Structures are given as C-alpha cells and as structure tokens.
Protein backbone atom coordinates (compact mmCIF):
# COMPACT_ATOMS: atom_id res chain seq x y z
CA LEU A 1 -35.81 38.55 -17.49
CA LEU A 2 -32.12 37.59 -17.61
CA GLY A 3 -31.51 39.43 -14.33
CA LEU A 4 -34.22 37.39 -12.63
CA ALA A 5 -32.82 34.10 -13.90
CA SER A 6 -29.38 34.82 -12.49
CA CYS A 7 -30.80 35.63 -9.03
CA THR A 8 -32.35 32.25 -8.40
CA PRO A 9 -31.36 30.72 -5.05
CA ALA A 10 -28.48 28.28 -4.95
CA GLN A 11 -29.28 24.61 -4.49
CA GLU A 12 -28.03 22.96 -1.31
CA GLN A 13 -27.93 19.33 -0.25
CA SER A 14 -26.84 17.95 3.11
CA LEU A 15 -26.09 14.36 3.98
CA PHE A 16 -25.17 12.93 7.38
CA VAL A 17 -23.97 9.41 8.15
CA ARG A 18 -24.03 8.17 11.74
CA SER A 19 -20.93 6.27 12.85
CA GLU A 20 -22.82 2.96 13.14
CA ASN A 21 -23.76 3.29 9.44
CA ALA A 22 -20.20 3.98 8.28
CA ARG A 23 -18.71 1.10 6.29
CA ASP A 24 -15.64 -0.07 8.23
CA GLY A 25 -15.09 3.48 9.46
CA VAL A 26 -15.64 5.03 6.02
CA TYR A 27 -18.45 7.57 5.62
CA VAL A 28 -19.80 7.35 2.05
CA PHE A 29 -21.74 10.19 0.42
CA PRO A 30 -23.31 9.67 -3.02
CA LEU A 31 -23.33 13.18 -4.47
CA GLY A 32 -25.69 12.48 -7.35
CA ALA A 33 -25.27 13.84 -10.83
CA LEU A 34 -22.95 16.83 -10.71
CA ASP A 35 -22.93 19.20 -13.67
CA SER A 36 -19.47 19.91 -15.09
CA LEU A 37 -20.63 23.39 -16.17
CA SER A 38 -21.49 24.40 -12.60
CA SER A 39 -19.40 25.01 -9.52
CA TYR A 40 -20.00 23.76 -5.98
CA ASP A 41 -19.03 24.71 -2.45
CA ILE A 42 -18.52 21.73 -0.13
CA SER A 43 -18.39 21.78 3.66
CA ILE A 44 -17.75 18.86 6.01
CA TYR A 45 -19.33 18.70 9.42
CA GLY A 46 -19.01 16.24 12.24
CA ARG A 47 -19.88 15.64 15.81
CA ALA A 48 -17.65 14.05 18.43
CA ALA A 49 -19.23 11.45 20.71
CA ARG A 50 -17.32 11.95 23.99
CA LYS A 51 -14.51 14.45 23.59
CA ALA A 52 -13.72 17.19 21.05
CA LEU A 53 -11.17 16.26 18.40
CA ASN A 54 -8.55 18.91 17.68
CA GLU A 55 -7.18 18.81 14.13
CA PRO A 56 -8.41 15.29 13.33
CA GLU A 57 -6.98 13.63 10.25
CA LEU A 58 -9.64 13.03 7.58
CA ARG A 59 -8.82 11.00 4.47
CA VAL A 60 -11.09 12.19 1.65
CA MET A 61 -11.54 10.18 -1.53
CA TRP A 62 -13.41 11.27 -4.65
CA LEU A 63 -14.79 8.65 -7.05
CA SER A 64 -15.62 10.03 -10.52
CA PRO A 65 -18.38 8.75 -12.82
CA ASP A 66 -15.77 6.84 -14.87
CA GLY A 67 -14.18 5.16 -11.83
CA GLN A 68 -11.13 7.37 -11.34
CA THR A 69 -10.17 8.27 -7.77
CA PHE A 70 -8.45 11.19 -6.11
CA THR A 71 -7.44 11.02 -2.44
CA GLU A 72 -6.21 13.73 -0.07
CA THR A 73 -5.86 14.29 3.66
CA VAL A 74 -7.40 17.31 5.38
CA TYR A 75 -7.13 18.53 8.96
CA PRO A 76 -10.16 20.50 10.15
CA PRO A 77 -9.46 22.73 13.16
CA LYS A 78 -11.87 20.87 15.44
CA ILE A 79 -14.80 18.47 15.61
CA GLY A 80 -16.73 19.35 18.76
CA LEU A 81 -19.38 17.76 20.93
CA GLU A 82 -22.07 20.12 19.61
CA GLY A 83 -20.93 19.63 16.06
CA SER A 84 -18.48 21.54 13.89
CA ARG A 85 -18.54 22.61 10.26
CA PHE A 86 -15.65 23.68 8.06
CA GLU A 87 -15.33 24.63 4.41
CA TYR A 88 -13.62 21.79 2.58
CA ARG A 89 -13.63 23.13 -1.00
CA SER A 90 -15.07 26.23 -2.67
CA GLY A 91 -15.80 26.63 -6.37
CA VAL A 92 -15.32 22.96 -7.28
CA SER A 93 -16.08 22.31 -10.95
CA PRO A 94 -16.23 18.56 -11.70
CA ALA A 95 -14.07 17.41 -14.61
CA ARG A 96 -16.94 15.17 -15.78
CA SER A 97 -20.71 15.31 -15.44
CA GLY A 98 -22.39 12.38 -13.76
CA GLN A 99 -22.64 10.45 -10.50
CA TRP A 100 -19.85 11.28 -8.04
CA THR A 101 -19.14 9.73 -4.65
CA LEU A 102 -17.23 11.28 -1.76
CA SER A 103 -15.84 9.00 0.98
CA ILE A 104 -14.30 10.18 4.24
CA ARG A 105 -12.37 8.19 6.85
CA GLU A 106 -11.42 9.67 10.22
CA CYS A 107 -7.86 8.40 10.68
CA SER A 108 -6.93 9.84 14.08
CA GLY A 109 -8.89 7.13 15.85
CA ALA A 110 -8.40 8.65 19.30
CA GLU A 111 -12.06 9.39 20.07
CA PRO A 112 -15.27 8.14 18.48
CA LEU A 113 -17.52 10.28 16.33
CA THR A 114 -21.30 10.45 16.38
CA GLY A 115 -21.04 10.86 12.61
CA LEU A 116 -19.86 12.94 9.67
CA GLY A 117 -21.77 14.87 7.08
CA ILE A 118 -21.35 17.09 4.05
CA ILE A 119 -23.13 20.11 2.72
CA ILE A 120 -22.85 20.69 -1.02
CA LYS A 121 -24.11 23.93 -2.44
CA LYS A 122 -24.42 24.56 -6.16
CA SER A 123 -23.31 28.07 -7.04
CA ASP A 124 -25.61 30.34 -9.02
CA GLY A 125 -23.12 30.94 -11.78
CA THR A 126 -21.43 28.65 -14.24
CA ARG A 127 -17.75 28.39 -14.97
C-alpha cells in the first residue's frame, strides 16, 4: 500500500495572463496555498506578439504569505512567436505554508508579448 501511495501522479497547475490583463506591465500569478513540506518545479512560458525576443529580461518577484518579498532577474533563452517554455526553478520548497504570489515584469520592452504564464508542478515526494 505504501508503494501505491508514493506513485500517485504529481499535481500541475498552469496560469496564463494575456498582456492586456497585466497590471502596468506586471503579470501576477496567485499560486494558492503552497505546502512547505512539499517541493515544486516552476516553468515560465511566454509568447511574443510580433517578433521573437532573444534573452529577454524578466524581473520575478515572490510575495510570501507574511508579506515578505524576494526579487530576482532571469534571462530565458528566447520567447518565440509560437510560444516558449523554460524551467525557472526546480525543487522549490516554500519557507512558509500559505498563499504565495509570483509577479513577473518583462523589462526589455523592445517587442510586445501576447502574454506570460507559469506552470507549477508539485513533486511526488516531500523534503
């Protein structure tokens, strides 16, 4: 019975925000209640509107359940016209359980995006 419990499929959630729904150029993703005993793999995907973006600058901000923030800049290899996905973080274990928010701003500004999205997958195991 324990072997069956550990083979359950991982949970995956995807969210996409179209550029016209971004708040002042910021794409906001409410992640829901993340469990601090679990780990998550997070991918970012986007779609360029007119021209592919090579190594666009994305400013990523995490907002924790208690209001603390962490900001970093990432440079995906490309955001194409047909859409592109890249692994942002693997094995993320939240410091606190509760409602998290992830916000992303495309800072390059050279070409418009159709939108940005995230895929968050809960790993089978615990930390």
